[in-house]
Amino acid sequence: TCYTKIKVYDDAKLYYLKAITNGLSNDNVYFSLAVTCIHLDQQEYALEIYNDLISKNEKNGKAYFLRGKLLQKMGNYLKGSEDIGKAASLNFYGWVKTN
């Protein structure tokens, strides 16, 4: 959203939550919400979002990759590396800008 681009993360978070509440969401909305939460230092909430995405689709390589990067950022290098490996096994090799 434009809020994310201009780094108004509180408003961006509200925008994504409103879209979800109104049934206007897909994986990309959840990914954007998670990244926005990371910018707001709400890593645990972002982690919950990635966990939910994975529980809904265990073949979601992007969610494994981003969860892995977040876990590494949070100091859990082993689990983070496992998730990144899982993403690669699901043929997700792309790098996603998260900050």
Protein backbone atom coordinates (compact mmCIF):
# COMPACT_ATOMS: atom_id res chain seq x y z
CA THR A 1 0.00 0.00 0.00
CA CYS A 2 0.99 3.61 -0.19
CA TYR A 3 1.24 3.60 3.61
CA THR A 4 3.95 0.97 3.46
CA LYS A 5 5.83 2.83 0.74
CA ILE A 6 5.92 6.02 2.78
CA LYS A 7 6.71 4.05 5.96
CA VAL A 8 3.51 4.86 7.85
CA TYR A 9 3.37 1.35 9.24
CA ASP A 10 0.60 1.84 11.81
CA ASP A 11 -1.79 2.95 9.06
CA ALA A 12 -0.58 0.17 6.76
CA LYS A 13 -1.33 -2.41 9.46
CA LEU A 14 -4.84 -1.03 9.91
CA TYR A 15 -5.37 -1.12 6.14
CA TYR A 16 -4.36 -4.79 5.90
CA LEU A 17 -6.45 -5.76 8.93
CA LYS A 18 -9.47 -3.99 7.45
CA ALA A 19 -9.00 -5.82 4.16
CA ILE A 20 -8.85 -9.14 6.02
CA THR A 21 -11.92 -8.29 8.12
CA ASN A 22 -13.83 -7.41 4.96
CA GLY A 23 -12.89 -10.67 3.25
CA LEU A 24 -10.64 -8.96 0.72
CA SER A 25 -7.52 -10.90 1.53
CA ASN A 26 -5.19 -13.40 -0.07
CA ASP A 27 -1.72 -14.62 0.82
CA ASN A 28 -0.15 -11.37 -0.37
CA VAL A 29 -2.22 -9.33 2.09
CA TYR A 30 -1.04 -11.59 4.92
CA PHE A 31 2.58 -11.38 3.74
CA SER A 32 2.33 -7.58 3.63
CA LEU A 33 0.78 -7.52 7.09
CA ALA A 34 3.59 -9.68 8.46
CA VAL A 35 6.32 -7.47 6.97
CA THR A 36 4.54 -4.39 8.31
CA CYS A 37 4.45 -5.96 11.78
CA ILE A 38 8.18 -6.61 11.55
CA HIS A 39 8.72 -2.92 10.85
CA LEU A 40 6.61 -2.17 13.95
CA ASP A 41 8.80 -4.49 16.05
CA GLN A 42 5.91 -6.95 16.36
CA GLN A 43 7.92 -9.99 15.33
CA GLU A 44 5.82 -12.44 17.38
CA TYR A 45 2.67 -11.33 15.55
CA ALA A 46 4.44 -11.68 12.20
CA LEU A 47 5.54 -15.17 13.23
CA GLU A 48 1.91 -16.08 13.99
CA ILE A 49 0.92 -14.91 10.51
CA TYR A 50 3.57 -17.07 8.85
CA ASN A 51 2.54 -20.02 11.03
CA ASP A 52 -1.09 -19.57 9.96
CA LEU A 53 -0.14 -19.38 6.28
CA ILE A 54 1.86 -22.59 6.61
CA SER A 55 -0.91 -24.37 8.50
CA LYS A 56 -3.34 -23.47 5.69
CA ASN A 57 -0.92 -24.63 2.98
CA GLU A 58 2.07 -26.75 3.96
CA LYS A 59 3.53 -26.26 0.47
CA ASN A 60 3.79 -22.48 0.82
CA GLY A 61 7.50 -22.05 0.17
CA LYS A 62 7.38 -18.29 0.48
CA ALA A 63 5.90 -18.54 3.97
CA TYR A 64 8.59 -21.01 5.04
CA PHE A 65 11.29 -18.76 3.61
CA LEU A 66 10.01 -15.60 5.29
CA ARG A 67 9.40 -17.40 8.58
CA GLY A 68 12.94 -18.75 8.38
CA LYS A 69 14.41 -15.29 7.81
CA LEU A 70 12.37 -13.92 10.72
CA LEU A 71 13.38 -16.74 13.03
CA GLN A 72 17.03 -16.08 12.19
CA LYS A 73 16.52 -12.38 12.88
CA MET A 74 15.01 -13.36 16.25
CA GLY A 75 18.09 -15.47 17.06
CA ASN A 76 16.69 -18.93 16.29
CA TYR A 77 19.24 -19.77 13.61
CA LEU A 78 18.69 -23.53 13.56
CA LYS A 79 14.91 -23.42 13.08
CA GLY A 80 15.29 -20.52 10.66
CA SER A 81 17.76 -22.49 8.55
CA GLU A 82 15.42 -25.48 8.59
CA ASP A 83 12.58 -23.33 7.28
CA ILE A 84 14.75 -21.86 4.54
CA GLY A 85 15.78 -25.39 3.58
CA LYS A 86 12.11 -26.42 3.53
CA ALA A 87 11.37 -23.46 1.24
CA ALA A 88 14.11 -24.62 -1.13
CA SER A 89 12.71 -28.17 -1.09
CA LEU A 90 9.40 -26.64 -2.21
CA ASN A 91 11.22 -24.91 -5.08
CA PHE A 92 11.10 -21.45 -3.51
CA TYR A 93 14.51 -19.93 -4.10
CA GLY A 94 13.59 -16.28 -4.56
CA TRP A 95 14.82 -13.57 -2.29
CA VAL A 96 12.14 -11.39 -0.86
CA LYS A 97 12.90 -7.94 0.50
CA THR A 98 11.66 -7.86 4.11
CA ASN A 99 13.02 -4.55 5.31
